[in-house]
Structure formats: C-alpha cells, structure tokens
Amino acid sequence: MIEKVLLLALTLFTVAIALSLYRLIKGPSMPDRAIALDTVGVNLVSAIAIVSVFLSTKAFLDAILILGILSFIGTISFSKYIERGVLIERKRND
C-alpha cells in the first residue's frame, strides 16, 4: 500500500516539475520564471526524497542537501539579476 502511495506522489511531483518547466520556458515575465525555477528546485528535492524512501536508502540525502543549496543560490541570484540587472557589482575608482 505504501509503495502505491509513494509512486502516486512521485508521479504527481513529476507532473508538477513538468508544468513548472513549461512556466520557466514560456513565462510571461521574469519574476514568473524566478518563481518557476524555485518551484522546480523544491519539487525536485521532494521527488528525490520520495525515491530515497521508496528504495529504503540514505544514499540520496547528500544529493538532496546539495540540490537544495544550489536551488536556493540560483533563486537568489536570479532574483538579484531581475532587480538590479547585474549579479556582481564592482566599485569603480573614478
């Protein structure tokens, strides 16, 4: 019974990732794309956690942590780019 629930949850997360990727590509504005990127990261972490539970292993926990950190950094840098137009600000000596 638990296997069926895990497979259903994994299927629903796969559909959610596909819809978020569509919004990431076809988003009407840049903030929509930033939110879609964050949603893809969260859903991907959740899908990997479900696979880890389904396979009864702890091998994917490191991948979940790394993916979560990279997703957070990607979302922050993308939103900073939308806000300012540059990622790294340099002070000029005039």
PDB file of N, CA and C in Angstrom:
ATOM      1  N   MET A   1       0.821  -1.194   0.000  1.00  0.00           N
ATOM      2  CA  MET A   1       0.000   0.000   0.000  1.00  0.00           C
ATOM      3  C   MET A   1       0.867   1.261   0.000  1.00  0.00           C
ATOM      4  N   ILE A   2       1.919   1.263   0.833  1.00  0.00           N
ATOM      5  CA  ILE A   2       2.779   2.442   0.898  1.00  0.00           C
ATOM      6  C   ILE A   2       3.519   2.654  -0.415  1.00  0.00           C
ATOM      7  N   GLU A   3       3.831   1.564  -1.121  1.00  0.00           N
ATOM      8  CA  GLU A   3       4.517   1.699  -2.406  1.00  0.00           C
ATOM      9  C   GLU A   3       3.634   2.405  -3.427  1.00  0.00           C
ATOM     10  N   LYS A   4       2.336   2.098  -3.397  1.00  0.00           N
ATOM     11  CA  LYS A   4       1.410   2.744  -4.335  1.00  0.00           C
ATOM     12  C   LYS A   4       1.292   4.236  -4.043  1.00  0.00           C
ATOM     13  N   VAL A   5       1.251   4.584  -2.771  1.00  0.00           N
ATOM     14  CA  VAL A   5       1.166   6.000  -2.390  1.00  0.00           C
ATOM     15  C   VAL A   5       2.443   6.736  -2.795  1.00  0.00           C
ATOM     16  N   LEU A   6       3.599   6.118  -2.583  1.00  0.00           N
ATOM     17  CA  LEU A   6       4.864   6.746  -2.970  1.00  0.00           C
ATOM     18  C   LEU A   6       4.956   6.917  -4.487  1.00  0.00           C
ATOM     19  N   LEU A   7       4.518   5.913  -5.241  1.00  0.00           N
ATOM     20  CA  LEU A   7       4.536   6.034  -6.700  1.00  0.00           C
ATOM     21  C   LEU A   7       3.567   7.105  -7.188  1.00  0.00           C
ATOM     22  N   LEU A   8       2.403   7.213  -6.543  1.00  0.00           N
ATOM     23  CA  LEU A   8       1.456   8.264  -6.898  1.00  0.00           C
ATOM     24  C   LEU A   8       2.048   9.643  -6.610  1.00  0.00           C
ATOM     25  N   ALA A   9       2.675   9.784  -5.442  1.00  0.00           N
ATOM     26  CA  ALA A   9       3.302  11.062  -5.086  1.00  0.00           C
ATOM     27  C   ALA A   9       4.434  11.402  -6.052  1.00  0.00           C
ATOM     28  N   LEU A  10       5.220  10.407  -6.425  1.00  0.00           N
ATOM     29  CA  LEU A  10       6.312  10.637  -7.375  1.00  0.00           C
ATOM     30  C   LEU A  10       5.777  11.046  -8.736  1.00  0.00           C
ATOM     31  N   THR A  11       4.683  10.436  -9.155  1.00  0.00           N
ATOM     32  CA  THR A  11       4.050  10.810 -10.422  1.00  0.00           C
ATOM     33  C   THR A  11       3.531  12.241 -10.374  1.00  0.00           C
ATOM     34  N   LEU A  12       2.898  12.605  -9.275  1.00  0.00           N
ATOM     35  CA  LEU A  12       2.378  13.972  -9.152  1.00  0.00           C
ATOM     36  C   LEU A  12       3.508  15.005  -9.099  1.00  0.00           C
ATOM     37  N   PHE A  13       4.607  14.663  -8.438  1.00  0.00           N
ATOM     38  CA  PHE A  13       5.751  15.578  -8.436  1.00  0.00           C
ATOM     39  C   PHE A  13       6.356  15.710  -9.827  1.00  0.00           C
ATOM     40  N   THR A  14       6.355  14.626 -10.594  1.00  0.00           N
ATOM     41  CA  THR A  14       6.865  14.678 -11.961  1.00  0.00           C
ATOM     42  C   THR A  14       5.999  15.603 -12.815  1.00  0.00           C
ATOM     43  N   VAL A  15       4.687  15.511 -12.650  1.00  0.00           N
ATOM     44  CA  VAL A  15       3.776  16.398 -13.385  1.00  0.00           C
ATOM     45  C   VAL A  15       4.001  17.848 -12.955  1.00  0.00           C
ATOM     46  N   ALA A  16       4.176  18.074 -11.661  1.00  0.00           N
ATOM     47  CA  ALA A  16       4.414  19.434 -11.161  1.00  0.00           C
ATOM     48  C   ALA A  16       5.723  20.004 -11.706  1.00  0.00           C
ATOM     49  N   ILE A  17       6.756  19.167 -11.801  1.00  0.00           N
ATOM     50  CA  ILE A  17       8.033  19.624 -12.361  1.00  0.00           C
ATOM     51  C   ILE A  17       7.874  19.960 -13.832  1.00  0.00           C
ATOM     52  N   ALA A  18       7.127  19.142 -14.565  1.00  0.00           N
ATOM     53  CA  ALA A  18       6.905  19.408 -15.992  1.00  0.00           C
ATOM     54  C   ALA A  18       6.139  20.712 -16.194  1.00  0.00           C
ATOM     55  N   LEU A  19       5.113  20.950 -15.389  1.00  0.00           N
ATOM     56  CA  LEU A  19       4.362  22.203 -15.503  1.00  0.00           C
ATOM     57  C   LEU A  19       5.221  23.407 -15.123  1.00  0.00           C
ATOM     58  N   SER A  20       6.060  23.244 -14.127  1.00  0.00           N
ATOM     59  CA  SER A  20       6.944  24.344 -13.731  1.00  0.00           C
ATOM     60  C   SER A  20       7.999  24.620 -14.799  1.00  0.00           C
ATOM     61  N   LEU A  21       8.489  23.576 -15.455  1.00  0.00           N
ATOM     62  CA  LEU A  21       9.441  23.782 -16.556  1.00  0.00           C
ATOM     63  C   LEU A  21       8.783  24.514 -17.719  1.00  0.00           C
ATOM     64  N   TYR A  22       7.513  24.200 -17.981  1.00  0.00           N
ATOM     65  CA  TYR A  22       6.781  24.934 -19.016  1.00  0.00           C
ATOM     66  C   TYR A  22       6.686  26.412 -18.646  1.00  0.00           C
ATOM     67  N   ARG A  23       6.371  26.694 -17.374  1.00  0.00           N
ATOM     68  CA  ARG A  23       6.279  28.090 -16.932  1.00  0.00           C
ATOM     69  C   ARG A  23       7.646  28.763 -16.964  1.00  0.00           C
ATOM     70  N   LEU A  24       8.700  28.005 -16.711  1.00  0.00           N
ATOM     71  CA  LEU A  24      10.055  28.552 -16.745  1.00  0.00           C
ATOM     72  C   LEU A  24      10.429  28.963 -18.167  1.00  0.00           C
ATOM     73  N   ILE A  25      10.008  28.182 -19.145  1.00  0.00           N
ATOM     74  CA  ILE A  25      10.348  28.477 -20.535  1.00  0.00           C
ATOM     75  C   ILE A  25       9.415  29.536 -21.127  1.00  0.00           C
ATOM     76  N   LYS A  26       8.115  29.412 -20.893  1.00  0.00           N
ATOM     77  CA  LYS A  26       7.131  30.276 -21.535  1.00  0.00           C
ATOM     78  C   LYS A  26       6.594  31.370 -20.627  1.00  0.00           C
ATOM     79  N   GLY A  27       7.199  31.570 -19.477  1.00  0.00           N
ATOM     80  CA  GLY A  27       6.681  32.540 -18.517  1.00  0.00           C
ATOM     81  C   GLY A  27       6.510  33.922 -19.117  1.00  0.00           C
ATOM     82  N   PRO A  28       5.413  34.594 -18.784  1.00  0.00           N
ATOM     83  CA  PRO A  28       5.195  35.920 -19.373  1.00  0.00           C
ATOM     84  C   PRO A  28       6.164  36.981 -18.857  1.00  0.00           C
ATOM     85  N   SER A  29       6.711  36.795 -17.673  1.00  0.00           N
ATOM     86  CA  SER A  29       7.621  37.811 -17.138  1.00  0.00           C
ATOM     87  C   SER A  29       8.777  37.121 -16.408  1.00  0.00           C
ATOM     88  N   MET A  30       9.792  37.896 -16.111  1.00  0.00           N
ATOM     89  CA  MET A  30      10.963  37.355 -15.424  1.00  0.00           C
ATOM     90  C   MET A  30      10.660  36.909 -13.982  1.00  0.00           C
ATOM     91  N   PRO A  31       9.847  37.641 -13.210  1.00  0.00           N
ATOM     92  CA  PRO A  31       9.528  37.127 -11.874  1.00  0.00           C
ATOM     93  C   PRO A  31       8.791  35.780 -11.908  1.00  0.00           C
ATOM     94  N   ASP A  32       7.943  35.568 -12.921  1.00  0.00           N
ATOM     95  CA  ASP A  32       7.291  34.269 -13.066  1.00  0.00           C
ATOM     96  C   ASP A  32       8.317  33.171 -13.301  1.00  0.00           C
ATOM     97  N   ARG A  33       9.330  33.475 -14.054  1.00  0.00           N
ATOM     98  CA  ARG A  33      10.384  32.492 -14.311  1.00  0.00           C
ATOM     99  C   ARG A  33      11.200  32.205 -13.050  1.00  0.00           C
ATOM    100  N   ALA A  34      11.426  33.227 -12.238  1.00  0.00           N
ATOM    101  CA  ALA A  34      12.164  33.020 -10.991  1.00  0.00           C
ATOM    102  C   ALA A  34      11.379  32.126 -10.036  1.00  0.00           C
ATOM    103  N   ILE A  35      10.085  32.353  -9.942  1.00  0.00           N
ATOM    104  CA  ILE A  35       9.246  31.519  -9.079  1.00  0.00           C
ATOM    105  C   ILE A  35       9.193  30.093  -9.618  1.00  0.00           C
ATOM    106  N   ALA A  36       9.116  29.942 -10.934  1.00  0.00           N
ATOM    107  CA  ALA A  36       9.100  28.600 -11.531  1.00  0.00           C
ATOM    108  C   ALA A  36      10.412  27.868 -11.268  1.00  0.00           C
ATOM    109  N   LEU A  37      11.526  28.584 -11.324  1.00  0.00           N
ATOM    110  CA  LEU A  37      12.821  27.965 -11.036  1.00  0.00           C
ATOM    111  C   LEU A  37      12.884  27.474  -9.588  1.00  0.00           C
ATOM    112  N   ASP A  38      12.380  28.270  -8.676  1.00  0.00           N
ATOM    113  CA  ASP A  38      12.346  27.867  -7.275  1.00  0.00           C
ATOM    114  C   ASP A  38      11.416  26.672  -7.075  1.00  0.00           C
ATOM    115  N   THR A  39      10.287  26.672  -7.752  1.00  0.00           N
ATOM    116  CA  THR A  39       9.334  25.565  -7.647  1.00  0.00           C
ATOM    117  C   THR A  39       9.922  24.268  -8.192  1.00  0.00           C
ATOM    118  N   VAL A  40      10.663  24.363  -9.288  1.00  0.00           N
ATOM    119  CA  VAL A  40      11.319  23.167  -9.835  1.00  0.00           C
ATOM    120  C   VAL A  40      12.314  22.611  -8.821  1.00  0.00           C
ATOM    121  N   GLY A  41      13.074  23.466  -8.184  1.00  0.00           N
ATOM    122  CA  GLY A  41      14.048  23.010  -7.184  1.00  0.00           C
ATOM    123  C   GLY A  41      13.394  22.326  -6.000  1.00  0.00           C
ATOM    124  N   VAL A  42      12.321  22.914  -5.482  1.00  0.00           N
ATOM    125  CA  VAL A  42      11.632  22.329  -4.331  1.00  0.00           C
ATOM    126  C   VAL A  42      10.999  20.995  -4.708  1.00  0.00           C
ATOM    127  N   ASN A  43      10.364  20.935  -5.872  1.00  0.00           N
ATOM    128  CA  ASN A  43       9.738  19.680  -6.297  1.00  0.00           C
ATOM    129  C   ASN A  43      10.770  18.601  -6.588  1.00  0.00           C
ATOM    130  N   LEU A  44      11.911  18.994  -7.101  1.00  0.00           N
ATOM    131  CA  LEU A  44      12.973  18.023  -7.373  1.00  0.00           C
ATOM    132  C   LEU A  44      13.537  17.450  -6.077  1.00  0.00           C
ATOM    133  N   VAL A  45      13.732  18.288  -5.075  1.00  0.00           N
ATOM    134  CA  VAL A  45      14.188  17.814  -3.770  1.00  0.00           C
ATOM    135  C   VAL A  45      13.159  16.846  -3.177  1.00  0.00           C
ATOM    136  N   SER A  46      11.884  17.182  -3.301  1.00  0.00           N
ATOM    137  CA  SER A  46      10.831  16.311  -2.776  1.00  0.00           C
ATOM    138  C   SER A  46      10.773  14.984  -3.520  1.00  0.00           C
ATOM    139  N   ALA A  47      10.945  15.013  -4.839  1.00  0.00           N
ATOM    140  CA  ALA A  47      10.927  13.781  -5.620  1.00  0.00           C
ATOM    141  C   ALA A  47      12.103  12.877  -5.257  1.00  0.00           C
ATOM    142  N   ILE A  48      13.266  13.464  -5.050  1.00  0.00           N
ATOM    143  CA  ILE A  48      14.430  12.658  -4.657  1.00  0.00           C
ATOM    144  C   ILE A  48      14.219  12.069  -3.266  1.00  0.00           C
ATOM    145  N   ALA A  49      13.578  12.816  -2.373  1.00  0.00           N
ATOM    146  CA  ALA A  49      13.292  12.285  -1.042  1.00  0.00           C
ATOM    147  C   ALA A  49      12.322  11.110  -1.118  1.00  0.00           C
ATOM    148  N   ILE A  50      11.342  11.190  -1.996  1.00  0.00           N
ATOM    149  CA  ILE A  50      10.404  10.082  -2.160  1.00  0.00           C
ATOM    150  C   ILE A  50      11.106   8.859  -2.733  1.00  0.00           C
ATOM    151  N   VAL A  51      11.996   9.067  -3.691  1.00  0.00           N
ATOM    152  CA  VAL A  51      12.767   7.944  -4.232  1.00  0.00           C
ATOM    153  C   VAL A  51      13.632   7.325  -3.140  1.00  0.00           C
ATOM    154  N   SER A  52      14.201   8.134  -2.273  1.00  0.00           N
ATOM    155  CA  SER A  52      15.017   7.628  -1.176  1.00  0.00           C
ATOM    156  C   SER A  52      14.195   6.783  -0.206  1.00  0.00           C
ATOM    157  N   VAL A  53      12.989   7.230   0.104  1.00  0.00           N
ATOM    158  CA  VAL A  53      12.115   6.450   0.973  1.00  0.00           C
ATOM    159  C   VAL A  53      11.676   5.173   0.273  1.00  0.00           C
ATOM    160  N   PHE A  54      11.355   5.265  -1.016  1.00  0.00           N
ATOM    161  CA  PHE A  54      10.893   4.101  -1.769  1.00  0.00           C
ATOM    162  C   PHE A  54      11.975   3.027  -1.840  1.00  0.00           C
ATOM    163  N   LEU A  55      13.227   3.429  -1.996  1.00  0.00           N
ATOM    164  CA  LEU A  55      14.319   2.472  -2.084  1.00  0.00           C
ATOM    165  C   LEU A  55      14.910   2.111  -0.722  1.00  0.00           C
ATOM    166  N   SER A  56      14.415   2.725   0.339  1.00  0.00           N
ATOM    167  CA  SER A  56      14.877   2.485   1.715  1.00  0.00           C
ATOM    168  C   SER A  56      16.389   2.661   1.854  1.00  0.00           C
ATOM    169  N   THR A  57      16.863   3.802   1.382  1.00  0.00           N
ATOM    170  CA  THR A  57      18.290   4.082   1.453  1.00  0.00           C
ATOM    171  C   THR A  57      18.516   5.521   1.901  1.00  0.00           C
ATOM    172  N   LYS A  58      19.695   5.760   2.440  1.00  0.00           N
ATOM    173  CA  LYS A  58      20.083   7.117   2.839  1.00  0.00           C
ATOM    174  C   LYS A  58      21.096   7.711   1.859  1.00  0.00           C
ATOM    175  N   ALA A  59      21.302   7.039   0.738  1.00  0.00           N
ATOM    176  CA  ALA A  59      22.337   7.457  -0.203  1.00  0.00           C
ATOM    177  C   ALA A  59      22.009   8.787  -0.877  1.00  0.00           C
ATOM    178  N   PHE A  60      20.740   9.138  -0.979  1.00  0.00           N
ATOM    179  CA  PHE A  60      20.343  10.345  -1.696  1.00  0.00           C
ATOM    180  C   PHE A  60      20.286  11.583  -0.815  1.00  0.00           C
ATOM    181  N   LEU A  61      20.523  11.435   0.478  1.00  0.00           N
ATOM    182  CA  LEU A  61      20.393  12.586   1.373  1.00  0.00           C
ATOM    183  C   LEU A  61      21.428  13.668   1.087  1.00  0.00           C
ATOM    184  N   ASP A  62      22.635  13.273   0.720  1.00  0.00           N
ATOM    185  CA  ASP A  62      23.651  14.266   0.350  1.00  0.00           C
ATOM    186  C   ASP A  62      23.240  15.024  -0.917  1.00  0.00           C
ATOM    187  N   ALA A  63      22.684  14.295  -1.874  1.00  0.00           N
ATOM    188  CA  ALA A  63      22.223  14.941  -3.110  1.00  0.00           C
ATOM    189  C   ALA A  63      21.081  15.912  -2.827  1.00  0.00           C
ATOM    190  N   ILE A  64      20.212  15.557  -1.890  1.00  0.00           N
ATOM    191  CA  ILE A  64      19.110  16.448  -1.524  1.00  0.00           C
ATOM    192  C   ILE A  64      19.651  17.734  -0.917  1.00  0.00           C
ATOM    193  N   LEU A  65      20.636  17.634  -0.036  1.00  0.00           N
ATOM    194  CA  LEU A  65      21.212  18.831   0.581  1.00  0.00           C
ATOM    195  C   LEU A  65      21.904  19.725  -0.445  1.00  0.00           C
ATOM    196  N   ILE A  66      22.684  19.120  -1.313  1.00  0.00           N
ATOM    197  CA  ILE A  66      23.399  19.899  -2.328  1.00  0.00           C
ATOM    198  C   ILE A  66      22.427  20.557  -3.291  1.00  0.00           C
ATOM    199  N   LEU A  67      21.416  19.814  -3.727  1.00  0.00           N
ATOM    200  CA  LEU A  67      20.431  20.374  -4.651  1.00  0.00           C
ATOM    201  C   LEU A  67      19.635  21.500  -4.000  1.00  0.00           C
ATOM    202  N   GLY A  68      19.313  21.354  -2.725  1.00  0.00           N
ATOM    203  CA  GLY A  68      18.603  22.409  -2.014  1.00  0.00           C
ATOM    204  C   GLY A  68      19.425  23.685  -1.916  1.00  0.00           C
ATOM    205  N   ILE A  69      20.704  23.536  -1.614  1.00  0.00           N
ATOM    206  CA  ILE A  69      21.585  24.712  -1.528  1.00  0.00           C
ATOM    207  C   ILE A  69      21.748  25.373  -2.886  1.00  0.00           C
ATOM    208  N   LEU A  70      21.981  24.569  -3.923  1.00  0.00           N
ATOM    209  CA  LEU A  70      22.142  25.137  -5.267  1.00  0.00           C
ATOM    210  C   LEU A  70      20.866  25.792  -5.771  1.00  0.00           C
ATOM    211  N   SER A  71      19.730  25.205  -5.451  1.00  0.00           N
ATOM    212  CA  SER A  71      18.454  25.796  -5.846  1.00  0.00           C
ATOM    213  C   SER A  71      18.247  27.145  -5.156  1.00  0.00           C
ATOM    214  N   PHE A  72      18.593  27.212  -3.875  1.00  0.00           N
ATOM    215  CA  PHE A  72      18.464  28.466  -3.137  1.00  0.00           C
ATOM    216  C   PHE A  72      19.381  29.543  -3.718  1.00  0.00           C
ATOM    217  N   ILE A  73      20.621  29.182  -3.984  1.00  0.00           N
ATOM    218  CA  ILE A  73      21.567  30.144  -4.540  1.00  0.00           C
ATOM    219  C   ILE A  73      21.128  30.594  -5.930  1.00  0.00           C
ATOM    220  N   GLY A  74      20.625  29.663  -6.734  1.00  0.00           N
ATOM    221  CA  GLY A  74      20.145  30.014  -8.063  1.00  0.00           C
ATOM    222  C   GLY A  74      18.963  30.963  -8.023  1.00  0.00           C
ATOM    223  N   THR A  75      18.035  30.725  -7.112  1.00  0.00           N
ATOM    224  CA  THR A  75      16.872  31.599  -6.985  1.00  0.00           C
ATOM    225  C   THR A  75      17.280  32.991  -6.511  1.00  0.00           C
ATOM    226  N   ILE A  76      18.187  33.054  -5.550  1.00  0.00           N
ATOM    227  CA  ILE A  76      18.644  34.354  -5.049  1.00  0.00           C
ATOM    228  C   ILE A  76      19.367  35.136  -6.144  1.00  0.00           C
ATOM    229  N   SER A  77      20.247  34.476  -6.877  1.00  0.00           N
ATOM    230  CA  SER A  77      20.989  35.191  -7.923  1.00  0.00           C
ATOM    231  C   SER A  77      20.075  35.599  -9.069  1.00  0.00           C
ATOM    232  N   PHE A  78      19.090  34.776  -9.406  1.00  0.00           N
ATOM    233  CA  PHE A  78      18.156  35.124 -10.473  1.00  0.00           C
ATOM    234  C   PHE A  78      17.298  36.321 -10.064  1.00  0.00           C
ATOM    235  N   SER A  79      16.841  36.349  -8.814  1.00  0.00           N
ATOM    236  CA  SER A  79      16.041  37.483  -8.362  1.00  0.00           C
ATOM    237  C   SER A  79      16.887  38.754  -8.244  1.00  0.00           C
ATOM    238  N   LYS A  80      18.162  38.601  -7.872  1.00  0.00           N
ATOM    239  CA  LYS A  80      19.049  39.768  -7.817  1.00  0.00           C
ATOM    240  C   LYS A  80      19.299  40.308  -9.225  1.00  0.00           C
ATOM    241  N   TYR A  81      19.408  39.419 -10.193  1.00  0.00           N
ATOM    242  CA  TYR A  81      19.581  39.846 -11.580  1.00  0.00           C
ATOM    243  C   TYR A  81      18.339  40.579 -12.071  1.00  0.00           C
ATOM    244  N   ILE A  82      17.158  40.099 -11.709  1.00  0.00           N
ATOM    245  CA  ILE A  82      15.921  40.768 -12.118  1.00  0.00           C
ATOM    246  C   ILE A  82      15.834  42.154 -11.486  1.00  0.00           C
ATOM    247  N   GLU A  83      16.242  42.256 -10.229  1.00  0.00           N
ATOM    248  CA  GLU A  83      16.128  43.523  -9.512  1.00  0.00           C
ATOM    249  C   GLU A  83      17.124  44.572  -9.999  1.00  0.00           C
ATOM    250  N   ARG A  84      18.384  44.171 -10.195  1.00  0.00           N
ATOM    251  CA  ARG A  84      19.431  45.145 -10.490  1.00  0.00           C
ATOM    252  C   ARG A  84      19.968  45.080 -11.909  1.00  0.00           C
ATOM    253  N   GLY A  85      19.837  43.954 -12.566  1.00  0.00           N
ATOM    254  CA  GLY A  85      20.365  43.821 -13.916  1.00  0.00           C
ATOM    255  C   GLY A  85      21.774  43.273 -13.979  1.00  0.00           C
ATOM    256  N   VAL A  86      22.451  43.194 -12.844  1.00  0.00           N
ATOM    257  CA  VAL A  86      23.797  42.621 -12.776  1.00  0.00           C
ATOM    258  C   VAL A  86      23.866  41.697 -11.568  1.00  0.00           C
ATOM    259  N   LEU A  87      24.747  40.730 -11.622  1.00  0.00           N
ATOM    260  CA  LEU A  87      24.912  39.831 -10.489  1.00  0.00           C
ATOM    261  C   LEU A  87      26.013  40.281  -9.548  1.00  0.00           C
ATOM    262  N   ILE A  88      27.100  40.803 -10.128  1.00  0.00           N
ATOM    263  CA  ILE A  88      28.239  41.236  -9.324  1.00  0.00           C
ATOM    264  C   ILE A  88      28.444  42.729  -9.560  1.00  0.00           C
ATOM    265  N   GLU A  89      28.349  43.488  -8.488  1.00  0.00           N
ATOM    266  CA  GLU A  89      28.567  44.918  -8.598  1.00  0.00           C
ATOM    267  C   GLU A  89      30.025  45.222  -8.296  1.00  0.00           C
ATOM    268  N   ARG A  90      30.596  46.063  -9.132  1.00  0.00           N
ATOM    269  CA  ARG A  90      32.004  46.440  -8.936  1.00  0.00           C
ATOM    270  C   ARG A  90      32.074  47.947  -8.668  1.00  0.00           C
ATOM    271  N   LYS A  91      32.901  48.286  -7.720  1.00  0.00           N
ATOM    272  CA  LYS A  91      33.108  49.699  -7.427  1.00  0.00           C
ATOM    273  C   LYS A  91      34.186  50.221  -8.365  1.00  0.00           C
ATOM    274  N   ARG A  92      33.865  51.340  -8.975  1.00  0.00           N
ATOM    275  CA  ARG A  92      34.813  51.930  -9.910  1.00  0.00           C
ATOM    276  C   ARG A  92      35.584  53.042  -9.223  1.00  0.00           C
ATOM    277  N   ASN A  93      36.852  53.097  -9.497  1.00  0.00           N
ATOM    278  CA  ASN A  93      37.702  54.167  -8.965  1.00  0.00           C
ATOM    279  C   ASN A  93      37.761  55.279  -9.989  1.00  0.00           C
ATOM    280  N   ASP A  94      36.979  56.321  -9.777  1.00  0.00           N
ATOM    281  CA  ASP A  94      36.958  57.447 -10.717  1.00  0.00           C
ATOM    282  C   ASP A  94      37.799  58.598 -10.203  1.00  0.00           C
TER     283      ASP A  94
END
